[in-house]
């Protein structure tokens, strides 16, 4: 069996005492030379990586550790840890505490919009308006190409001495306006779905039975397990300190 050196077949690494006295063929010499070069390159790469990791740790950076997927005792993947709050005001204050704790992947759920919640969660300006602008400009340019292309370049016709160049804008303006609005509306609709991860036929939060009250009188906050700061004990303590009730682990499937 060939010996493996860091995943590289190295069948000629060792030779028996009898083989040492036998001249090596050209192909065997070439294989051994290539294996030696690869082994040296691998050793250098390992040294460079170790030196970089050492410098990173000396600079005060936290040690890198793998983030294994959390599972429930039943074997389900953990989606988040969630808690219920008695009122909109309590949920608002809890959101500010979670924001200040540095979490990035979390969300709140309520039966109605809560004034000031975007600021409490630390959310910036939405980029949906950028997509709407892109759609509107695309509609305007599309209308201009479709209208001015045939009348100005492809099939210019003299109709009662009317101009065939840019001065025909008054006649073409309604179509340009309508396509601007139409493309902008389509861009807003599809961008909204994409930015919200929709359509999504089933959300993991519905695996929690109490979450069915979110459309009636329930106020909930969930911190996702994929957040870099997520730890079971730390998140549970934070939710408890923020006034959360019925704290539970929500599984994905």
C-alpha atoms as a PDB file:
ATOM      1  CA  UNK A   1       0.000   0.000   0.000  1.00  0.00           C
ATOM      2  CA  UNK A   2       1.366   3.464  -0.844  1.00  0.00           C
ATOM      3  CA  UNK A   3       1.973   5.685   2.166  1.00  0.00           C
ATOM      4  CA  UNK A   4       0.049   8.965   2.301  1.00  0.00           C
ATOM      5  CA  UNK A   5       1.769  12.171   3.288  1.00  0.00           C
ATOM      6  CA  UNK A   6      -0.818  14.895   3.895  1.00  0.00           C
ATOM      7  CA  UNK A   7      -3.095  13.422   1.264  1.00  0.00           C
ATOM      8  CA  UNK A   8      -0.255  13.052  -1.336  1.00  0.00           C
ATOM      9  CA  UNK A   9       0.553   9.502  -2.471  1.00  0.00           C
ATOM     10  CA  UNK A  10       4.203   8.851  -1.678  1.00  0.00           C
ATOM     11  CA  UNK A  11       4.903   5.240  -2.676  1.00  0.00           C
ATOM     12  CA  UNK A  12       8.647   5.828  -3.024  1.00  0.00           C
ATOM     13  CA  UNK A  13       9.191   7.356   0.390  1.00  0.00           C
ATOM     14  CA  UNK A  14      10.943   4.310   1.743  1.00  0.00           C
ATOM     15  CA  UNK A  15      13.077   1.754  -0.037  1.00  0.00           C
ATOM     16  CA  UNK A  16      14.184  -1.579   1.270  1.00  0.00           C
ATOM     17  CA  UNK A  17      17.855  -2.412   1.808  1.00  0.00           C
ATOM     18  CA  UNK A  18      17.823  -4.480  -1.355  1.00  0.00           C
ATOM     19  CA  UNK A  19      16.233  -1.665  -3.378  1.00  0.00           C
ATOM     20  CA  UNK A  20      18.901   0.805  -2.266  1.00  0.00           C
ATOM     21  CA  UNK A  21      21.473  -1.049  -4.244  1.00  0.00           C
ATOM     22  CA  UNK A  22      19.323  -1.124  -7.377  1.00  0.00           C
ATOM     23  CA  UNK A  23      19.558   1.904  -9.672  1.00  0.00           C
ATOM     24  CA  UNK A  24      16.230   3.736  -9.951  1.00  0.00           C
ATOM     25  CA  UNK A  25      14.609   4.080 -13.331  1.00  0.00           C
ATOM     26  CA  UNK A  26      13.989   7.510 -14.829  1.00  0.00           C
ATOM     27  CA  UNK A  27      10.228   7.537 -14.048  1.00  0.00           C
ATOM     28  CA  UNK A  28      10.843   6.468 -10.438  1.00  0.00           C
ATOM     29  CA  UNK A  29      13.460   9.189  -9.982  1.00  0.00           C
ATOM     30  CA  UNK A  30      11.049  11.730 -11.395  1.00  0.00           C
ATOM     31  CA  UNK A  31       8.238  10.605  -9.052  1.00  0.00           C
ATOM     32  CA  UNK A  32      10.502  10.798  -6.041  1.00  0.00           C
ATOM     33  CA  UNK A  33      11.735  14.257  -7.013  1.00  0.00           C
ATOM     34  CA  UNK A  34       8.175  15.535  -7.482  1.00  0.00           C
ATOM     35  CA  UNK A  35       7.101  14.000  -4.165  1.00  0.00           C
ATOM     36  CA  UNK A  36       9.999  15.694  -2.411  1.00  0.00           C
ATOM     37  CA  UNK A  37       9.119  19.062  -3.923  1.00  0.00           C
ATOM     38  CA  UNK A  38       5.462  18.707  -2.923  1.00  0.00           C
ATOM     39  CA  UNK A  39       6.411  17.671   0.611  1.00  0.00           C
ATOM     40  CA  UNK A  40       8.684  20.714   0.979  1.00  0.00           C
ATOM     41  CA  UNK A  41       6.020  23.049  -0.368  1.00  0.00           C
ATOM     42  CA  UNK A  42       3.426  21.610   1.996  1.00  0.00           C
ATOM     43  CA  UNK A  43       5.761  22.009   4.981  1.00  0.00           C
ATOM     44  CA  UNK A  44       6.404  25.646   4.040  1.00  0.00           C
ATOM     45  CA  UNK A  45       2.674  26.317   3.715  1.00  0.00           C
ATOM     46  CA  UNK A  46       2.026  24.820   7.152  1.00  0.00           C
ATOM     47  CA  UNK A  47       4.747  26.984   8.689  1.00  0.00           C
ATOM     48  CA  UNK A  48       3.367  30.138   7.078  1.00  0.00           C
ATOM     49  CA  UNK A  49      -0.147  29.322   8.273  1.00  0.00           C
ATOM     50  CA  UNK A  50       1.045  28.641  11.816  1.00  0.00           C
ATOM     51  CA  UNK A  51       3.049  31.880  11.884  1.00  0.00           C
ATOM     52  CA  UNK A  52       0.017  33.855  10.666  1.00  0.00           C
ATOM     53  CA  UNK A  53      -2.208  32.261  13.301  1.00  0.00           C
ATOM     54  CA  UNK A  54       0.378  33.003  16.002  1.00  0.00           C
ATOM     55  CA  UNK A  55       0.569  36.660  14.951  1.00  0.00           C
ATOM     56  CA  UNK A  56      -3.216  36.888  14.960  1.00  0.00           C
ATOM     57  CA  UNK A  57      -3.461  35.492  18.480  1.00  0.00           C
ATOM     58  CA  UNK A  58      -0.666  37.769  19.739  1.00  0.00           C
ATOM     59  CA  UNK A  59      -2.638  40.734  18.377  1.00  0.00           C
ATOM     60  CA  UNK A  60      -5.477  39.848  20.741  1.00  0.00           C
ATOM     61  CA  UNK A  61      -7.847  38.202  18.256  1.00  0.00           C
ATOM     62  CA  UNK A  62     -10.001  35.385  19.636  1.00  0.00           C
ATOM     63  CA  UNK A  63      -8.988  31.848  18.847  1.00  0.00           C
ATOM     64  CA  UNK A  64     -10.778  30.439  15.853  1.00  0.00           C
ATOM     65  CA  UNK A  65     -12.955  27.477  16.604  1.00  0.00           C
ATOM     66  CA  UNK A  66     -15.310  25.518  14.435  1.00  0.00           C
ATOM     67  CA  UNK A  67     -18.991  26.266  14.969  1.00  0.00           C
ATOM     68  CA  UNK A  68     -20.650  22.851  14.967  1.00  0.00           C
ATOM     69  CA  UNK A  69     -24.348  22.732  14.208  1.00  0.00           C
ATOM     70  CA  UNK A  70     -26.368  22.741  17.425  1.00  0.00           C
ATOM     71  CA  UNK A  71     -28.923  19.981  17.812  1.00  0.00           C
ATOM     72  CA  UNK A  72     -31.814  19.329  20.151  1.00  0.00           C
ATOM     73  CA  UNK A  73     -31.944  16.120  22.228  1.00  0.00           C
ATOM     74  CA  UNK A  74     -34.302  14.745  19.567  1.00  0.00           C
ATOM     75  CA  UNK A  75     -31.659  15.312  16.890  1.00  0.00           C
ATOM     76  CA  UNK A  76     -33.164  18.385  15.194  1.00  0.00           C
ATOM     77  CA  UNK A  77     -30.999  21.288  14.043  1.00  0.00           C
ATOM     78  CA  UNK A  78     -31.390  24.358  16.268  1.00  0.00           C
ATOM     79  CA  UNK A  79     -32.736  27.443  14.505  1.00  0.00           C
ATOM     80  CA  UNK A  80     -32.875  29.913  17.376  1.00  0.00           C
ATOM     81  CA  UNK A  81     -33.601  30.551  21.022  1.00  0.00           C
ATOM     82  CA  UNK A  82     -36.820  32.517  21.468  1.00  0.00           C
ATOM     83  CA  UNK A  83     -38.772  34.180  24.235  1.00  0.00           C
ATOM     84  CA  UNK A  84     -42.195  35.713  24.659  1.00  0.00           C
ATOM     85  CA  UNK A  85     -42.803  39.173  26.109  1.00  0.00           C
ATOM     86  CA  UNK A  86     -45.931  40.481  27.816  1.00  0.00           C
ATOM     87  CA  UNK A  87     -46.310  43.725  25.836  1.00  0.00           C
ATOM     88  CA  UNK A  88     -45.047  45.779  22.932  1.00  0.00           C
ATOM     89  CA  UNK A  89     -43.143  48.051  25.317  1.00  0.00           C
ATOM     90  CA  UNK A  90     -41.356  45.085  26.885  1.00  0.00           C
ATOM     91  CA  UNK A  91     -40.424  43.777  23.434  1.00  0.00           C
ATOM     92  CA  UNK A  92     -39.137  47.226  22.476  1.00  0.00           C
ATOM     93  CA  UNK A  93     -36.840  47.387  25.503  1.00  0.00           C
ATOM     94  CA  UNK A  94     -35.660  43.816  24.953  1.00  0.00           C
ATOM     95  CA  UNK A  95     -34.757  44.641  21.353  1.00  0.00           C
ATOM     96  CA  UNK A  96     -32.523  47.478  22.543  1.00  0.00           C
ATOM     97  CA  UNK A  97     -30.715  45.175  24.950  1.00  0.00           C
ATOM     98  CA  UNK A  98     -30.114  42.541  22.284  1.00  0.00           C
ATOM     99  CA  UNK A  99     -28.866  45.249  19.911  1.00  0.00           C
ATOM    100  CA  UNK A 100     -26.465  46.583  22.523  1.00  0.00           C
ATOM    101  CA  UNK A 101     -25.207  43.044  23.169  1.00  0.00           C
ATOM    102  CA  UNK A 102     -23.876  42.947  19.597  1.00  0.00           C
ATOM    103  CA  UNK A 103     -26.089  40.286  18.038  1.00  0.00           C
ATOM    104  CA  UNK A 104     -26.633  40.522  14.285  1.00  0.00           C
ATOM    105  CA  UNK A 105     -28.938  37.638  13.357  1.00  0.00           C
ATOM    106  CA  UNK A 106     -32.132  38.020  15.316  1.00  0.00           C
ATOM    107  CA  UNK A 107     -35.667  39.297  14.826  1.00  0.00           C
ATOM    108  CA  UNK A 108     -38.804  40.374  16.645  1.00  0.00           C
ATOM    109  CA  UNK A 109     -42.391  39.343  15.940  1.00  0.00           C
ATOM    110  CA  UNK A 110     -45.559  41.187  16.894  1.00  0.00           C
ATOM    111  CA  UNK A 111     -49.219  41.374  15.784  1.00  0.00           C
ATOM    112  CA  UNK A 112     -48.757  44.979  14.594  1.00  0.00           C
ATOM    113  CA  UNK A 113     -45.915  47.371  13.707  1.00  0.00           C
ATOM    114  CA  UNK A 114     -44.230  48.903  16.759  1.00  0.00           C
ATOM    115  CA  UNK A 115     -43.201  52.532  16.379  1.00  0.00           C
ATOM    116  CA  UNK A 116     -39.447  52.978  16.713  1.00  0.00           C
ATOM    117  CA  UNK A 117     -38.634  49.261  16.487  1.00  0.00           C
ATOM    118  CA  UNK A 118     -36.292  49.762  13.518  1.00  0.00           C
ATOM    119  CA  UNK A 119     -34.158  52.109  15.604  1.00  0.00           C
ATOM    120  CA  UNK A 120     -34.340  49.813  18.618  1.00  0.00           C
ATOM    121  CA  UNK A 121     -33.047  46.931  16.487  1.00  0.00           C
ATOM    122  CA  UNK A 122     -30.308  49.067  14.965  1.00  0.00           C
ATOM    123  CA  UNK A 123     -31.592  48.652  11.421  1.00  0.00           C
ATOM    124  CA  UNK A 124     -30.285  51.073   8.829  1.00  0.00           C
ATOM    125  CA  UNK A 125     -32.000  52.469   5.773  1.00  0.00           C
ATOM    126  CA  UNK A 126     -33.465  49.846   3.471  1.00  0.00           C
ATOM    127  CA  UNK A 127     -31.955  49.485  -0.006  1.00  0.00           C
ATOM    128  CA  UNK A 128     -35.373  48.752  -1.492  1.00  0.00           C
ATOM    129  CA  UNK A 129     -35.551  52.309  -2.809  1.00  0.00           C
ATOM    130  CA  UNK A 130     -32.403  51.651  -4.837  1.00  0.00           C
ATOM    131  CA  UNK A 131     -34.067  48.746  -6.605  1.00  0.00           C
ATOM    132  CA  UNK A 132     -37.149  50.878  -7.265  1.00  0.00           C
ATOM    133  CA  UNK A 133     -34.945  53.564  -8.794  1.00  0.00           C
ATOM    134  CA  UNK A 134     -33.239  50.942 -10.948  1.00  0.00           C
ATOM    135  CA  UNK A 135     -36.606  49.645 -12.144  1.00  0.00           C
ATOM    136  CA  UNK A 136     -37.908  53.132 -12.916  1.00  0.00           C
ATOM    137  CA  UNK A 137     -34.831  54.110 -14.894  1.00  0.00           C
ATOM    138  CA  UNK A 138     -34.986  50.795 -16.771  1.00  0.00           C
ATOM    139  CA  UNK A 139     -38.621  51.450 -17.691  1.00  0.00           C
ATOM    140  CA  UNK A 140     -37.832  54.977 -18.884  1.00  0.00           C
ATOM    141  CA  UNK A 141     -34.935  53.796 -21.051  1.00  0.00           C
ATOM    142  CA  UNK A 142     -36.987  50.909 -22.424  1.00  0.00           C
ATOM    143  CA  UNK A 143     -39.765  53.261 -23.488  1.00  0.00           C
ATOM    144  CA  UNK A 144     -37.269  55.650 -25.081  1.00  0.00           C
ATOM    145  CA  UNK A 145     -35.638  52.856 -27.105  1.00  0.00           C
ATOM    146  CA  UNK A 146     -38.953  51.352 -28.208  1.00  0.00           C
ATOM    147  CA  UNK A 147     -40.381  54.724 -29.267  1.00  0.00           C
ATOM    148  CA  UNK A 148     -37.415  56.695 -30.591  1.00  0.00           C
ATOM    149  CA  UNK A 149     -35.779  53.685 -32.219  1.00  0.00           C
ATOM    150  CA  UNK A 150     -38.372  53.107 -34.968  1.00  0.00           C
ATOM    151  CA  UNK A 151     -39.517  56.723 -35.389  1.00  0.00           C
ATOM    152  CA  UNK A 152     -36.042  58.316 -35.404  1.00  0.00           C
ATOM    153  CA  UNK A 153     -33.639  55.667 -36.748  1.00  0.00           C
ATOM    154  CA  UNK A 154     -35.368  52.620 -38.247  1.00  0.00           C
ATOM    155  CA  UNK A 155     -38.478  53.974 -39.984  1.00  0.00           C
ATOM    156  CA  UNK A 156     -38.489  57.791 -39.936  1.00  0.00           C
ATOM    157  CA  UNK A 157     -41.706  59.015 -41.594  1.00  0.00           C
ATOM    158  CA  UNK A 158     -42.719  62.565 -42.453  1.00  0.00           C
ATOM    159  CA  UNK A 159     -46.278  62.888 -41.186  1.00  0.00           C
ATOM    160  CA  UNK A 160     -47.666  66.367 -41.894  1.00  0.00           C
ATOM    161  CA  UNK A 161     -44.220  67.829 -41.334  1.00  0.00           C
ATOM    162  CA  UNK A 162     -44.009  66.618 -37.727  1.00  0.00           C
ATOM    163  CA  UNK A 163     -40.471  66.070 -36.373  1.00  0.00           C
ATOM    164  CA  UNK A 164     -39.010  62.582 -36.131  1.00  0.00           C
ATOM    165  CA  UNK A 165     -36.203  63.431 -33.694  1.00  0.00           C
ATOM    166  CA  UNK A 166     -36.066  64.264 -29.995  1.00  0.00           C
ATOM    167  CA  UNK A 167     -38.745  66.942 -30.371  1.00  0.00           C
ATOM    168  CA  UNK A 168     -41.388  64.192 -30.524  1.00  0.00           C
ATOM    169  CA  UNK A 169     -41.129  63.773 -26.737  1.00  0.00           C
ATOM    170  CA  UNK A 170     -44.584  65.305 -26.020  1.00  0.00           C
ATOM    171  CA  UNK A 171     -46.273  62.548 -28.020  1.00  0.00           C
ATOM    172  CA  UNK A 172     -44.174  59.806 -26.425  1.00  0.00           C
ATOM    173  CA  UNK A 173     -44.226  61.084 -22.863  1.00  0.00           C
ATOM    174  CA  UNK A 174     -47.316  59.084 -21.671  1.00  0.00           C
ATOM    175  CA  UNK A 175     -45.718  55.748 -22.629  1.00  0.00           C
ATOM    176  CA  UNK A 176     -42.439  56.741 -21.016  1.00  0.00           C
ATOM    177  CA  UNK A 177     -44.255  57.665 -17.824  1.00  0.00           C
ATOM    178  CA  UNK A 178     -46.295  54.448 -17.749  1.00  0.00           C
ATOM    179  CA  UNK A 179     -43.312  52.141 -18.270  1.00  0.00           C
ATOM    180  CA  UNK A 180     -41.350  54.008 -15.606  1.00  0.00           C
ATOM    181  CA  UNK A 181     -44.133  53.373 -13.091  1.00  0.00           C
ATOM    182  CA  UNK A 182     -44.680  49.770 -14.248  1.00  0.00           C
ATOM    183  CA  UNK A 183     -41.025  48.722 -14.078  1.00  0.00           C
ATOM    184  CA  UNK A 184     -40.598  50.520 -10.756  1.00  0.00           C
ATOM    185  CA  UNK A 185     -43.589  48.661  -9.297  1.00  0.00           C
ATOM    186  CA  UNK A 186     -42.285  45.298 -10.522  1.00  0.00           C
ATOM    187  CA  UNK A 187     -38.823  46.059  -9.115  1.00  0.00           C
ATOM    188  CA  UNK A 188     -40.304  46.980  -5.728  1.00  0.00           C
ATOM    189  CA  UNK A 189     -42.409  43.816  -5.594  1.00  0.00           C
ATOM    190  CA  UNK A 190     -39.729  41.300  -6.557  1.00  0.00           C
ATOM    191  CA  UNK A 191     -36.947  43.055  -4.622  1.00  0.00           C
ATOM    192  CA  UNK A 192     -39.118  43.030  -1.499  1.00  0.00           C
ATOM    193  CA  UNK A 193     -39.649  39.274  -1.876  1.00  0.00           C
ATOM    194  CA  UNK A 194     -35.961  38.640  -2.444  1.00  0.00           C
ATOM    195  CA  UNK A 195     -34.730  40.821   0.429  1.00  0.00           C
ATOM    196  CA  UNK A 196     -37.139  39.094   2.827  1.00  0.00           C
ATOM    197  CA  UNK A 197     -36.253  35.585   1.667  1.00  0.00           C
ATOM    198  CA  UNK A 198     -39.702  34.971   0.217  1.00  0.00           C
ATOM    199  CA  UNK A 199     -41.542  32.924  -0.829  1.00  0.00           C
ATOM    200  CA  UNK A 200     -40.917  30.687   2.151  1.00  0.00           C
ATOM    201  CA  UNK A 201     -43.610  28.124   2.642  1.00  0.00           C
ATOM    202  CA  UNK A 202     -42.781  27.335   6.280  1.00  0.00           C
ATOM    203  CA  UNK A 203     -40.837  29.268   8.896  1.00  0.00           C
ATOM    204  CA  UNK A 204     -39.033  27.409  11.709  1.00  0.00           C
ATOM    205  CA  UNK A 205     -40.635  29.668  14.322  1.00  0.00           C
ATOM    206  CA  UNK A 206     -43.946  27.888  13.688  1.00  0.00           C
ATOM    207  CA  UNK A 207     -42.393  24.779  15.243  1.00  0.00           C
ATOM    208  CA  UNK A 208     -43.010  26.540  18.569  1.00  0.00           C
ATOM    209  CA  UNK A 209     -46.623  26.074  19.538  1.00  0.00           C
ATOM    210  CA  UNK A 210     -46.898  29.366  21.426  1.00  0.00           C
ATOM    211  CA  UNK A 211     -45.774  31.278  18.347  1.00  0.00           C
ATOM    212  CA  UNK A 212     -49.234  30.807  16.813  1.00  0.00           C
ATOM    213  CA  UNK A 213     -50.346  33.723  19.022  1.00  0.00           C
ATOM    214  CA  UNK A 214     -48.117  36.145  17.110  1.00  0.00           C
ATOM    215  CA  UNK A 215     -51.066  37.210  14.916  1.00  0.00           C
ATOM    216  CA  UNK A 216     -53.274  37.760  17.945  1.00  0.00           C
ATOM    217  CA  UNK A 217     -51.645  39.073  21.120  1.00  0.00           C
ATOM    218  CA  UNK A 218     -48.162  37.552  21.300  1.00  0.00           C
ATOM    219  CA  UNK A 219     -44.826  39.400  21.238  1.00  0.00           C
ATOM    220  CA  UNK A 220     -41.721  37.336  20.526  1.00  0.00           C
ATOM    221  CA  UNK A 221     -37.975  37.748  20.072  1.00  0.00           C
ATOM    222  CA  UNK A 222     -35.683  35.118  18.570  1.00  0.00           C
ATOM    223  CA  UNK A 223     -31.879  35.028  18.360  1.00  0.00           C
ATOM    224  CA  UNK A 224     -30.638  32.686  15.655  1.00  0.00           C
ATOM    225  CA  UNK A 225     -28.124  29.960  16.424  1.00  0.00           C
ATOM    226  CA  UNK A 226     -25.958  30.968  13.443  1.00  0.00           C
ATOM    227  CA  UNK A 227     -25.136  34.309  15.070  1.00  0.00           C
ATOM    228  CA  UNK A 228     -21.407  34.387  15.907  1.00  0.00           C
ATOM    229  CA  UNK A 229     -22.149  35.477  19.484  1.00  0.00           C
ATOM    230  CA  UNK A 230     -24.711  32.757  20.116  1.00  0.00           C
ATOM    231  CA  UNK A 231     -24.183  30.522  23.130  1.00  0.00           C
ATOM    232  CA  UNK A 232     -26.993  28.675  24.837  1.00  0.00           C
ATOM    233  CA  UNK A 233     -26.240  29.912  28.343  1.00  0.00           C
ATOM    234  CA  UNK A 234     -25.390  33.475  27.284  1.00  0.00           C
ATOM    235  CA  UNK A 235     -28.500  33.935  25.158  1.00  0.00           C
ATOM    236  CA  UNK A 236     -30.749  32.404  27.801  1.00  0.00           C
ATOM    237  CA  UNK A 237     -29.379  34.759  30.459  1.00  0.00           C
ATOM    238  CA  UNK A 238     -29.848  37.741  28.143  1.00  0.00           C
ATOM    239  CA  UNK A 239     -33.458  36.824  27.385  1.00  0.00           C
ATOM    240  CA  UNK A 240     -34.175  36.271  31.066  1.00  0.00           C
ATOM    241  CA  UNK A 241     -32.631  39.610  32.048  1.00  0.00           C
ATOM    242  CA  UNK A 242     -34.645  41.389  29.348  1.00  0.00           C
ATOM    243  CA  UNK A 243     -37.915  40.080  30.777  1.00  0.00           C
ATOM    244  CA  UNK A 244     -38.474  37.192  28.391  1.00  0.00           C
ATOM    245  CA  UNK A 245     -40.886  34.437  29.331  1.00  0.00           C
ATOM    246  CA  UNK A 246     -41.343  30.849  28.126  1.00  0.00           C
ATOM    247  CA  UNK A 247     -37.763  30.783  26.803  1.00  0.00           C
ATOM    248  CA  UNK A 248     -37.257  27.832  24.493  1.00  0.00           C
ATOM    249  CA  UNK A 249     -35.079  26.341  21.776  1.00  0.00           C
ATOM    250  CA  UNK A 250     -36.693  26.401  18.329  1.00  0.00           C
ATOM    251  CA  UNK A 251     -35.620  23.688  15.896  1.00  0.00           C
ATOM    252  CA  UNK A 252     -35.483  24.041  12.134  1.00  0.00           C
ATOM    253  CA  UNK A 253     -37.306  20.926  10.966  1.00  0.00           C
END
